[in-house]
Amino acid sequence: MSSASTLPLQGKVAIVTGGSKGIGAAITLHLLSLGANVVFSYSSDESSASALEAKINSEFPAPHGAPPRAVSFKGDSSSIPDIDALVDYTLKTYHHLNIVVANAAIMSLQDLAHTTEEIFDRHMSVNVKGPFFLAQRTAQHLGEGGRIIFLSSSLIANSSVAPPYLVYLATKGAIEQMVRVLARDLAKGKITVNAVAPGPTATDMFLNGKSDALLQAIKSSIPMGRFGTPEEIADIVGFLSGEGSRWVSGQVIRANGAMA
């Protein structure tokens, strides 16, 4: 690893929602490895957040007298008061903000006939409303060179989608339109807006509840012949967070092993 003085995100501060497990945890750890300080939010699983904080304190000790390199924040990512509290907590702890990663999302699978109003509203609230107002509340604090990064899904562009993904993919379609429009809106402030759209990625959320036969069928549809890893998605977020992506905005990067 490079020395601290040459880390590409040294001195930067990031918010990562849903940052205690899966892809979110990988993003939190990767941004730390690049030198950033991170506030990662979680909704309910305090044990996972505590375990990640312990890992961070061990691997990324803060300089004497400085705040921890990363801190957790419990809150509902779809709640505007909780979003405001998250932003306030970040600014109080680190005094500035440079990178926002709207990773938190939910996914339950049911076709049109089995989608209730409650299921629809909850998906829209967590997956669309939350990222929208997180961007709104943080944009004023990012300043020139700020980064907003959303998470979409490669299934948006997949040629074969199962009907139960209907509501989830409707929310991710909204995310991709937000990226397209917000990139133009925030360009005047020299803030970039992009998204990463993972393909099948080996997280607990993806693997749980799927039979070995189904997992093998999904894997066989991927030209590279394997699932992605959370760390591979985090690598792309790291790129979009850094100086090397300064001319990249309004884009969706599909990380999916060449899935069509």
C-alpha atoms as a PDB file:
ATOM      1  CA  MET A   1       0.000   0.000   0.000  1.00  0.00           C
ATOM      2  CA  SER A   2       1.150   3.545  -0.712  1.00  0.00           C
ATOM      3  CA  SER A   3       2.290   5.784   2.116  1.00  0.00           C
ATOM      4  CA  ALA A   4      -0.343   7.933   3.791  1.00  0.00           C
ATOM      5  CA  SER A   5       0.939  11.050   2.057  1.00  0.00           C
ATOM      6  CA  THR A   6       0.189   9.619  -1.383  1.00  0.00           C
ATOM      7  CA  LEU A   7      -3.190   8.005  -0.781  1.00  0.00           C
ATOM      8  CA  PRO A   8      -5.557   9.310  -3.481  1.00  0.00           C
ATOM      9  CA  LEU A   9      -8.438  10.172  -1.121  1.00  0.00           C
ATOM     10  CA  GLN A  10      -6.317  11.448   1.754  1.00  0.00           C
ATOM     11  CA  GLY A  11      -8.220  14.133   3.663  1.00  0.00           C
ATOM     12  CA  LYS A  12     -11.542  13.381   1.948  1.00  0.00           C
ATOM     13  CA  VAL A  13     -14.725  12.573   3.862  1.00  0.00           C
ATOM     14  CA  ALA A  14     -17.355  10.144   2.585  1.00  0.00           C
ATOM     15  CA  ILE A  15     -20.865   9.091   3.525  1.00  0.00           C
ATOM     16  CA  VAL A  16     -21.856   5.522   2.617  1.00  0.00           C
ATOM     17  CA  THR A  17     -25.461   4.551   3.298  1.00  0.00           C
ATOM     18  CA  GLY A  18     -26.103   0.895   4.016  1.00  0.00           C
ATOM     19  CA  GLY A  19     -22.381   0.680   4.610  1.00  0.00           C
ATOM     20  CA  SER A  20     -22.134  -2.053   7.231  1.00  0.00           C
ATOM     21  CA  LYS A  21     -22.727  -5.198   5.154  1.00  0.00           C
ATOM     22  CA  GLY A  22     -22.215  -6.635   1.688  1.00  0.00           C
ATOM     23  CA  ILE A  23     -21.284  -4.222  -1.065  1.00  0.00           C
ATOM     24  CA  GLY A  24     -21.690  -1.277   1.326  1.00  0.00           C
ATOM     25  CA  ALA A  25     -19.122  -2.678   3.767  1.00  0.00           C
ATOM     26  CA  ALA A  26     -16.709  -3.346   0.907  1.00  0.00           C
ATOM     27  CA  ILE A  27     -17.132   0.268  -0.236  1.00  0.00           C
ATOM     28  CA  THR A  28     -16.544   1.570   3.290  1.00  0.00           C
ATOM     29  CA  LEU A  29     -13.330  -0.437   3.638  1.00  0.00           C
ATOM     30  CA  HIS A  30     -12.066   0.446   0.179  1.00  0.00           C
ATOM     31  CA  LEU A  31     -12.573   4.191   0.620  1.00  0.00           C
ATOM     32  CA  LEU A  32     -10.720   3.936   3.939  1.00  0.00           C
ATOM     33  CA  SER A  33      -7.860   2.126   2.216  1.00  0.00           C
ATOM     34  CA  LEU A  34      -7.646   5.026  -0.245  1.00  0.00           C
ATOM     35  CA  GLY A  35      -7.296   7.486   2.629  1.00  0.00           C
ATOM     36  CA  ALA A  36     -10.831   8.801   3.158  1.00  0.00           C
ATOM     37  CA  ASN A  37     -12.656   9.120   6.463  1.00  0.00           C
ATOM     38  CA  VAL A  38     -16.082   7.479   6.295  1.00  0.00           C
ATOM     39  CA  VAL A  39     -19.434   7.768   8.025  1.00  0.00           C
ATOM     40  CA  PHE A  40     -21.364   4.608   7.193  1.00  0.00           C
ATOM     41  CA  SER A  41     -25.038   4.266   8.016  1.00  0.00           C
ATOM     42  CA  TYR A  42     -27.090   1.212   8.875  1.00  0.00           C
ATOM     43  CA  SER A  43     -30.780   0.708   9.602  1.00  0.00           C
ATOM     44  CA  SER A  44     -31.054  -2.020  12.233  1.00  0.00           C
ATOM     45  CA  ASP A  45     -28.210  -4.575  12.358  1.00  0.00           C
ATOM     46  CA  GLU A  46     -26.091  -3.075  15.124  1.00  0.00           C
ATOM     47  CA  SER A  47     -23.939  -6.199  15.449  1.00  0.00           C
ATOM     48  CA  SER A  48     -22.701  -5.935  11.852  1.00  0.00           C
ATOM     49  CA  ALA A  49     -21.981  -2.232  12.291  1.00  0.00           C
ATOM     50  CA  SER A  50     -20.076  -2.871  15.529  1.00  0.00           C
ATOM     51  CA  ALA A  51     -18.069  -5.678  13.932  1.00  0.00           C
ATOM     52  CA  LEU A  52     -17.108  -3.444  11.038  1.00  0.00           C
ATOM     53  CA  GLU A  53     -16.099  -0.627  13.379  1.00  0.00           C
ATOM     54  CA  ALA A  54     -13.862  -3.049  15.306  1.00  0.00           C
ATOM     55  CA  LYS A  55     -12.241  -4.186  12.061  1.00  0.00           C
ATOM     56  CA  ILE A  56     -11.683  -0.578  11.012  1.00  0.00           C
ATOM     57  CA  ASN A  57     -10.180   0.428  14.363  1.00  0.00           C
ATOM     58  CA  SER A  58      -7.753  -2.462  14.010  1.00  0.00           C
ATOM     59  CA  GLU A  59      -6.791  -1.950  10.373  1.00  0.00           C
ATOM     60  CA  PHE A  60      -7.106   1.839  10.066  1.00  0.00           C
ATOM     61  CA  PRO A  61      -6.107   3.470  13.366  1.00  0.00           C
ATOM     62  CA  ALA A  62      -6.652   7.221  13.530  1.00  0.00           C
ATOM     63  CA  PRO A  63      -3.773   9.598  14.279  1.00  0.00           C
ATOM     64  CA  HIS A  64      -3.475  10.615  17.915  1.00  0.00           C
ATOM     65  CA  GLY A  65      -6.081  13.238  18.807  1.00  0.00           C
ATOM     66  CA  ALA A  66      -8.038  12.797  15.571  1.00  0.00           C
ATOM     67  CA  PRO A  67     -11.564  11.358  15.284  1.00  0.00           C
ATOM     68  CA  PRO A  68     -11.833   7.689  14.252  1.00  0.00           C
ATOM     69  CA  ARG A  69     -11.195   6.976  10.592  1.00  0.00           C
ATOM     70  CA  ALA A  70     -14.783   5.701  10.317  1.00  0.00           C
ATOM     71  CA  VAL A  71     -17.906   5.957  12.445  1.00  0.00           C
ATOM     72  CA  SER A  72     -21.297   4.312  12.140  1.00  0.00           C
ATOM     73  CA  PHE A  73     -24.670   6.048  12.176  1.00  0.00           C
ATOM     74  CA  LYS A  74     -27.988   4.320  12.804  1.00  0.00           C
ATOM     75  CA  GLY A  75     -30.852   5.731  10.787  1.00  0.00           C
ATOM     76  CA  ASP A  76     -33.568   5.098   8.233  1.00  0.00           C
ATOM     77  CA  SER A  77     -32.137   5.951   4.827  1.00  0.00           C
ATOM     78  CA  SER A  78     -35.631   6.824   3.578  1.00  0.00           C
ATOM     79  CA  SER A  79     -36.324   9.338   6.374  1.00  0.00           C
ATOM     80  CA  ILE A  80     -35.541  12.972   5.623  1.00  0.00           C
ATOM     81  CA  PRO A  81     -35.007  13.813   9.333  1.00  0.00           C
ATOM     82  CA  ASP A  82     -32.586  10.872   9.570  1.00  0.00           C
ATOM     83  CA  ILE A  83     -30.815  11.988   6.393  1.00  0.00           C
ATOM     84  CA  ASP A  84     -30.441  15.487   7.843  1.00  0.00           C
ATOM     85  CA  ALA A  85     -29.114  13.993  11.094  1.00  0.00           C
ATOM     86  CA  LEU A  86     -26.604  11.868   9.136  1.00  0.00           C
ATOM     87  CA  VAL A  87     -25.290  14.891   7.268  1.00  0.00           C
ATOM     88  CA  ASP A  88     -25.121  16.996  10.437  1.00  0.00           C
ATOM     89  CA  TYR A  89     -23.278  14.215  12.261  1.00  0.00           C
ATOM     90  CA  THR A  90     -20.753  13.906   9.435  1.00  0.00           C
ATOM     91  CA  LEU A  91     -20.052  17.644   9.367  1.00  0.00           C
ATOM     92  CA  LYS A  92     -19.803  17.816  13.163  1.00  0.00           C
ATOM     93  CA  THR A  93     -17.334  14.918  13.215  1.00  0.00           C
ATOM     94  CA  TYR A  94     -15.140  15.744  10.211  1.00  0.00           C
ATOM     95  CA  HIS A  95     -16.113  19.360   9.345  1.00  0.00           C
ATOM     96  CA  HIS A  96     -16.470  18.800   5.599  1.00  0.00           C
ATOM     97  CA  LEU A  97     -17.836  16.365   3.018  1.00  0.00           C
ATOM     98  CA  ASN A  98     -16.531  15.271  -0.385  1.00  0.00           C
ATOM     99  CA  ILE A  99     -18.068  11.932  -1.401  1.00  0.00           C
ATOM    100  CA  VAL A 100     -21.614  10.578  -1.079  1.00  0.00           C
ATOM    101  CA  VAL A 101     -22.416   6.947  -1.877  1.00  0.00           C
ATOM    102  CA  ALA A 102     -26.159   6.163  -1.861  1.00  0.00           C
ATOM    103  CA  ASN A 103     -25.860   2.423  -1.470  1.00  0.00           C
ATOM    104  CA  ALA A 104     -28.758   1.534   0.860  1.00  0.00           C
ATOM    105  CA  ALA A 105     -31.591  -0.320  -0.862  1.00  0.00           C
ATOM    106  CA  ILE A 106     -34.126  -3.081  -0.379  1.00  0.00           C
ATOM    107  CA  MET A 107     -35.241  -5.798  -2.768  1.00  0.00           C
ATOM    108  CA  SER A 108     -38.181  -8.148  -2.380  1.00  0.00           C
ATOM    109  CA  LEU A 109     -39.389 -10.167  -5.320  1.00  0.00           C
ATOM    110  CA  GLN A 110     -42.992 -10.471  -6.419  1.00  0.00           C
ATOM    111  CA  ASP A 111     -44.785 -10.107  -9.733  1.00  0.00           C
ATOM    112  CA  LEU A 112     -47.471  -7.547 -10.538  1.00  0.00           C
ATOM    113  CA  ALA A 113     -50.337  -9.602  -9.118  1.00  0.00           C
ATOM    114  CA  HIS A 114     -48.609 -10.030  -5.761  1.00  0.00           C
ATOM    115  CA  THR A 115     -47.287  -6.500  -5.270  1.00  0.00           C
ATOM    116  CA  THR A 116     -49.096  -4.693  -2.487  1.00  0.00           C
ATOM    117  CA  GLU A 117     -49.256  -0.946  -1.993  1.00  0.00           C
ATOM    118  CA  GLU A 118     -47.071  -1.346   1.097  1.00  0.00           C
ATOM    119  CA  ILE A 119     -44.370  -3.211  -0.847  1.00  0.00           C
ATOM    120  CA  PHE A 120     -44.459  -0.639  -3.647  1.00  0.00           C
ATOM    121  CA  ASP A 121     -44.306   2.363  -1.311  1.00  0.00           C
ATOM    122  CA  ARG A 122     -41.486   0.938   0.799  1.00  0.00           C
ATOM    123  CA  HIS A 123     -39.320   0.235  -2.251  1.00  0.00           C
ATOM    124  CA  MET A 124     -39.899   3.696  -3.648  1.00  0.00           C
ATOM    125  CA  SER A 125     -39.181   5.263  -0.271  1.00  0.00           C
ATOM    126  CA  VAL A 126     -35.905   3.456   0.419  1.00  0.00           C
ATOM    127  CA  ASN A 127     -34.578   3.054  -3.128  1.00  0.00           C
ATOM    128  CA  VAL A 128     -35.658   6.364  -4.707  1.00  0.00           C
ATOM    129  CA  LYS A 129     -36.766   8.921  -2.127  1.00  0.00           C
ATOM    130  CA  GLY A 130     -33.801   8.238   0.151  1.00  0.00           C
ATOM    131  CA  PRO A 131     -31.073   8.654  -2.499  1.00  0.00           C
ATOM    132  CA  PHE A 132     -32.874  11.679  -3.982  1.00  0.00           C
ATOM    133  CA  PHE A 133     -32.978  13.614  -0.723  1.00  0.00           C
ATOM    134  CA  LEU A 134     -29.523  12.448   0.312  1.00  0.00           C
ATOM    135  CA  ALA A 135     -28.229  14.077  -2.874  1.00  0.00           C
ATOM    136  CA  GLN A 136     -30.281  17.195  -2.221  1.00  0.00           C
ATOM    137  CA  ARG A 137     -29.123  17.555   1.379  1.00  0.00           C
ATOM    138  CA  THR A 138     -25.439  16.903   0.638  1.00  0.00           C
ATOM    139  CA  ALA A 139     -24.933  18.756  -2.655  1.00  0.00           C
ATOM    140  CA  GLN A 140     -24.666  22.119  -0.906  1.00  0.00           C
ATOM    141  CA  HIS A 141     -21.792  20.828   1.229  1.00  0.00           C
ATOM    142  CA  LEU A 142     -19.738  19.013  -1.416  1.00  0.00           C
ATOM    143  CA  GLY A 143     -18.180  21.920  -3.257  1.00  0.00           C
ATOM    144  CA  GLU A 144     -15.959  21.718  -6.334  1.00  0.00           C
ATOM    145  CA  GLY A 145     -14.713  18.194  -6.949  1.00  0.00           C
ATOM    146  CA  GLY A 146     -17.559  16.610  -4.988  1.00  0.00           C
ATOM    147  CA  ARG A 147     -18.755  13.136  -5.921  1.00  0.00           C
ATOM    148  CA  ILE A 148     -22.236  11.628  -5.745  1.00  0.00           C
ATOM    149  CA  ILE A 149     -22.407   7.925  -6.541  1.00  0.00           C
ATOM    150  CA  PHE A 150     -25.609   5.907  -6.778  1.00  0.00           C
ATOM    151  CA  LEU A 151     -26.081   2.143  -7.018  1.00  0.00           C
ATOM    152  CA  SER A 152     -28.244   0.744  -9.814  1.00  0.00           C
ATOM    153  CA  SER A 153     -28.519  -2.796 -11.202  1.00  0.00           C
ATOM    154  CA  SER A 154     -27.291  -4.414 -14.396  1.00  0.00           C
ATOM    155  CA  LEU A 155     -30.705  -6.071 -14.694  1.00  0.00           C
ATOM    156  CA  ILE A 156     -31.953  -2.691 -15.967  1.00  0.00           C
ATOM    157  CA  ALA A 157     -30.283  -3.494 -19.294  1.00  0.00           C
ATOM    158  CA  ASN A 158     -30.559  -7.286 -19.168  1.00  0.00           C
ATOM    159  CA  SER A 159     -32.291  -8.966 -22.092  1.00  0.00           C
ATOM    160  CA  SER A 160     -34.145 -11.450 -19.862  1.00  0.00           C
ATOM    161  CA  VAL A 161     -35.687 -10.308 -16.590  1.00  0.00           C
ATOM    162  CA  ALA A 162     -37.969 -12.384 -14.372  1.00  0.00           C
ATOM    163  CA  PRO A 163     -41.345 -10.736 -13.558  1.00  0.00           C
ATOM    164  CA  PRO A 164     -40.732 -10.667  -9.764  1.00  0.00           C
ATOM    165  CA  TYR A 165     -38.047  -8.000 -10.252  1.00  0.00           C
ATOM    166  CA  LEU A 166     -40.686  -5.507 -11.406  1.00  0.00           C
ATOM    167  CA  VAL A 167     -40.790  -3.074  -8.469  1.00  0.00           C
ATOM    168  CA  TYR A 168     -37.091  -3.303  -7.654  1.00  0.00           C
ATOM    169  CA  LEU A 169     -36.090  -2.514 -11.233  1.00  0.00           C
ATOM    170  CA  ALA A 170     -38.618   0.311 -11.432  1.00  0.00           C
ATOM    171  CA  THR A 171     -36.716   1.952  -8.578  1.00  0.00           C
ATOM    172  CA  LYS A 172     -33.367   1.400 -10.246  1.00  0.00           C
ATOM    173  CA  GLY A 173     -34.701   2.860 -13.487  1.00  0.00           C
ATOM    174  CA  ALA A 174     -35.552   5.972 -11.485  1.00  0.00           C
ATOM    175  CA  ILE A 175     -32.000   6.037 -10.105  1.00  0.00           C
ATOM    176  CA  GLU A 176     -30.513   5.983 -13.595  1.00  0.00           C
ATOM    177  CA  GLN A 177     -32.689   8.913 -14.667  1.00  0.00           C
ATOM    178  CA  MET A 178     -31.629  10.809 -11.549  1.00  0.00           C
ATOM    179  CA  VAL A 179     -28.007  10.274 -12.537  1.00  0.00           C
ATOM    180  CA  ARG A 180     -28.637  11.558 -16.051  1.00  0.00           C
ATOM    181  CA  VAL A 181     -30.403  14.734 -14.936  1.00  0.00           C
ATOM    182  CA  LEU A 182     -28.545  15.526 -11.720  1.00  0.00           C
ATOM    183  CA  ALA A 183     -25.202  15.351 -13.511  1.00  0.00           C
ATOM    184  CA  ARG A 184     -26.297  18.325 -15.613  1.00  0.00           C
ATOM    185  CA  ASP A 185     -27.815  20.169 -12.673  1.00  0.00           C
ATOM    186  CA  LEU A 186     -24.736  19.852 -10.451  1.00  0.00           C
ATOM    187  CA  ALA A 187     -22.109  20.290 -13.164  1.00  0.00           C
ATOM    188  CA  LYS A 188     -22.146  24.024 -12.542  1.00  0.00           C
ATOM    189  CA  GLY A 189     -20.769  23.316  -9.075  1.00  0.00           C
ATOM    190  CA  LYS A 190     -18.123  20.954 -10.495  1.00  0.00           C
ATOM    191  CA  ILE A 191     -19.802  17.986  -8.778  1.00  0.00           C
ATOM    192  CA  THR A 192     -19.918  14.686 -10.648  1.00  0.00           C
ATOM    193  CA  VAL A 193     -22.875  12.287 -10.462  1.00  0.00           C
ATOM    194  CA  ASN A 194     -22.555   8.674 -11.559  1.00  0.00           C
ATOM    195  CA  ALA A 195     -23.822   5.184 -10.758  1.00  0.00           C
ATOM    196  CA  VAL A 196     -22.444   1.680 -10.544  1.00  0.00           C
ATOM    197  CA  ALA A 197     -24.776  -1.084 -11.749  1.00  0.00           C
ATOM    198  CA  PRO A 198     -23.591  -4.443 -10.415  1.00  0.00           C
ATOM    199  CA  GLY A 199     -24.453  -7.713 -12.022  1.00  0.00           C
ATOM    200  CA  PRO A 200     -24.876 -10.837  -9.859  1.00  0.00           C
ATOM    201  CA  THR A 201     -22.580 -10.256  -6.893  1.00  0.00           C
ATOM    202  CA  ALA A 202     -21.769 -12.771  -4.171  1.00  0.00           C
ATOM    203  CA  THR A 203     -23.358 -11.089  -1.172  1.00  0.00           C
ATOM    204  CA  ASP A 204     -25.502 -12.721   1.490  1.00  0.00           C
ATOM    205  CA  MET A 205     -28.535 -10.839   0.184  1.00  0.00           C
ATOM    206  CA  PHE A 206     -28.014 -12.265  -3.311  1.00  0.00           C
ATOM    207  CA  LEU A 207     -27.071 -15.819  -2.321  1.00  0.00           C
ATOM    208  CA  ASN A 208     -29.607 -16.435   0.449  1.00  0.00           C
ATOM    209  CA  GLY A 209     -32.741 -18.337  -0.558  1.00  0.00           C
ATOM    210  CA  LYS A 210     -31.409 -19.497  -3.921  1.00  0.00           C
ATOM    211  CA  SER A 211     -30.882 -23.178  -4.630  1.00  0.00           C
ATOM    212  CA  ASP A 212     -27.533 -24.442  -5.896  1.00  0.00           C
ATOM    213  CA  ALA A 213     -29.210 -25.233  -9.219  1.00  0.00           C
ATOM    214  CA  LEU A 214     -30.510 -21.683  -9.572  1.00  0.00           C
ATOM    215  CA  LEU A 215     -27.155 -20.167  -8.646  1.00  0.00           C
ATOM    216  CA  GLN A 216     -25.428 -22.376 -11.206  1.00  0.00           C
ATOM    217  CA  ALA A 217     -27.955 -21.349 -13.872  1.00  0.00           C
ATOM    218  CA  ILE A 218     -27.333 -17.669 -13.141  1.00  0.00           C
ATOM    219  CA  LYS A 219     -23.580 -18.189 -13.175  1.00  0.00           C
ATOM    220  CA  SER A 220     -23.773 -19.981 -16.529  1.00  0.00           C
ATOM    221  CA  SER A 221     -25.459 -16.905 -18.030  1.00  0.00           C
ATOM    222  CA  ILE A 222     -22.451 -14.745 -17.211  1.00  0.00           C
ATOM    223  CA  PRO A 223     -19.833 -14.846 -19.998  1.00  0.00           C
ATOM    224  CA  MET A 224     -16.991 -14.563 -17.473  1.00  0.00           C
ATOM    225  CA  GLY A 225     -18.387 -17.641 -15.710  1.00  0.00           C
ATOM    226  CA  ARG A 226     -18.546 -16.366 -12.147  1.00  0.00           C
ATOM    227  CA  PHE A 227     -20.277 -13.959  -9.786  1.00  0.00           C
ATOM    228  CA  GLY A 228     -18.762 -10.608  -9.014  1.00  0.00           C
ATOM    229  CA  THR A 229     -17.399  -9.796  -5.576  1.00  0.00           C
ATOM    230  CA  PRO A 230     -18.328  -6.847  -3.352  1.00  0.00           C
ATOM    231  CA  GLU A 231     -14.696  -5.734  -3.549  1.00  0.00           C
ATOM    232  CA  GLU A 232     -14.892  -5.466  -7.342  1.00  0.00           C
ATOM    233  CA  ILE A 233     -17.885  -3.138  -7.052  1.00  0.00           C
ATOM    234  CA  ALA A 234     -16.067  -1.148  -4.378  1.00  0.00           C
ATOM    235  CA  ASP A 235     -13.103  -0.706  -6.726  1.00  0.00           C
ATOM    236  CA  ILE A 236     -15.340   1.100  -9.215  1.00  0.00           C
ATOM    237  CA  VAL A 237     -16.778   3.325  -6.485  1.00  0.00           C
ATOM    238  CA  GLY A 238     -13.201   4.133  -5.512  1.00  0.00           C
ATOM    239  CA  PHE A 239     -12.416   5.166  -9.073  1.00  0.00           C
ATOM    240  CA  LEU A 240     -15.521   7.347  -9.299  1.00  0.00           C
ATOM    241  CA  SER A 241     -14.563   8.949  -5.960  1.00  0.00           C
ATOM    242  CA  GLY A 242     -11.116   9.984  -7.112  1.00  0.00           C
ATOM    243  CA  GLU A 243      -9.417  12.522  -9.312  1.00  0.00           C
ATOM    244  CA  GLY A 244      -9.164  10.092 -12.205  1.00  0.00           C
ATOM    245  CA  SER A 245     -12.935  10.332 -12.762  1.00  0.00           C
ATOM    246  CA  ARG A 246     -13.078  14.148 -12.891  1.00  0.00           C
ATOM    247  CA  TRP A 247     -14.363  14.113 -16.510  1.00  0.00           C
ATOM    248  CA  VAL A 248     -16.839  11.270 -15.904  1.00  0.00           C
ATOM    249  CA  SER A 249     -20.361  12.382 -15.015  1.00  0.00           C
ATOM    250  CA  GLY A 250     -23.885  11.309 -15.859  1.00  0.00           C
ATOM    251  CA  GLN A 251     -22.698   7.750 -16.477  1.00  0.00           C
ATOM    252  CA  VAL A 252     -23.770   4.287 -15.340  1.00  0.00           C
ATOM    253  CA  ILE A 253     -20.936   1.770 -15.154  1.00  0.00           C
ATOM    254  CA  ARG A 254     -22.267  -1.771 -15.573  1.00  0.00           C
ATOM    255  CA  ALA A 255     -20.027  -4.187 -13.681  1.00  0.00           C
ATOM    256  CA  ASN A 256     -21.415  -7.564 -14.717  1.00  0.00           C
ATOM    257  CA  GLY A 257     -18.845  -9.832 -16.381  1.00  0.00           C
ATOM    258  CA  ALA A 258     -20.168  -9.010 -19.883  1.00  0.00           C
ATOM    259  CA  MET A 259     -23.776  -9.986 -19.190  1.00  0.00           C
ATOM    260  CA  ALA A 260     -26.112  -8.900 -21.976  1.00  0.00           C
END
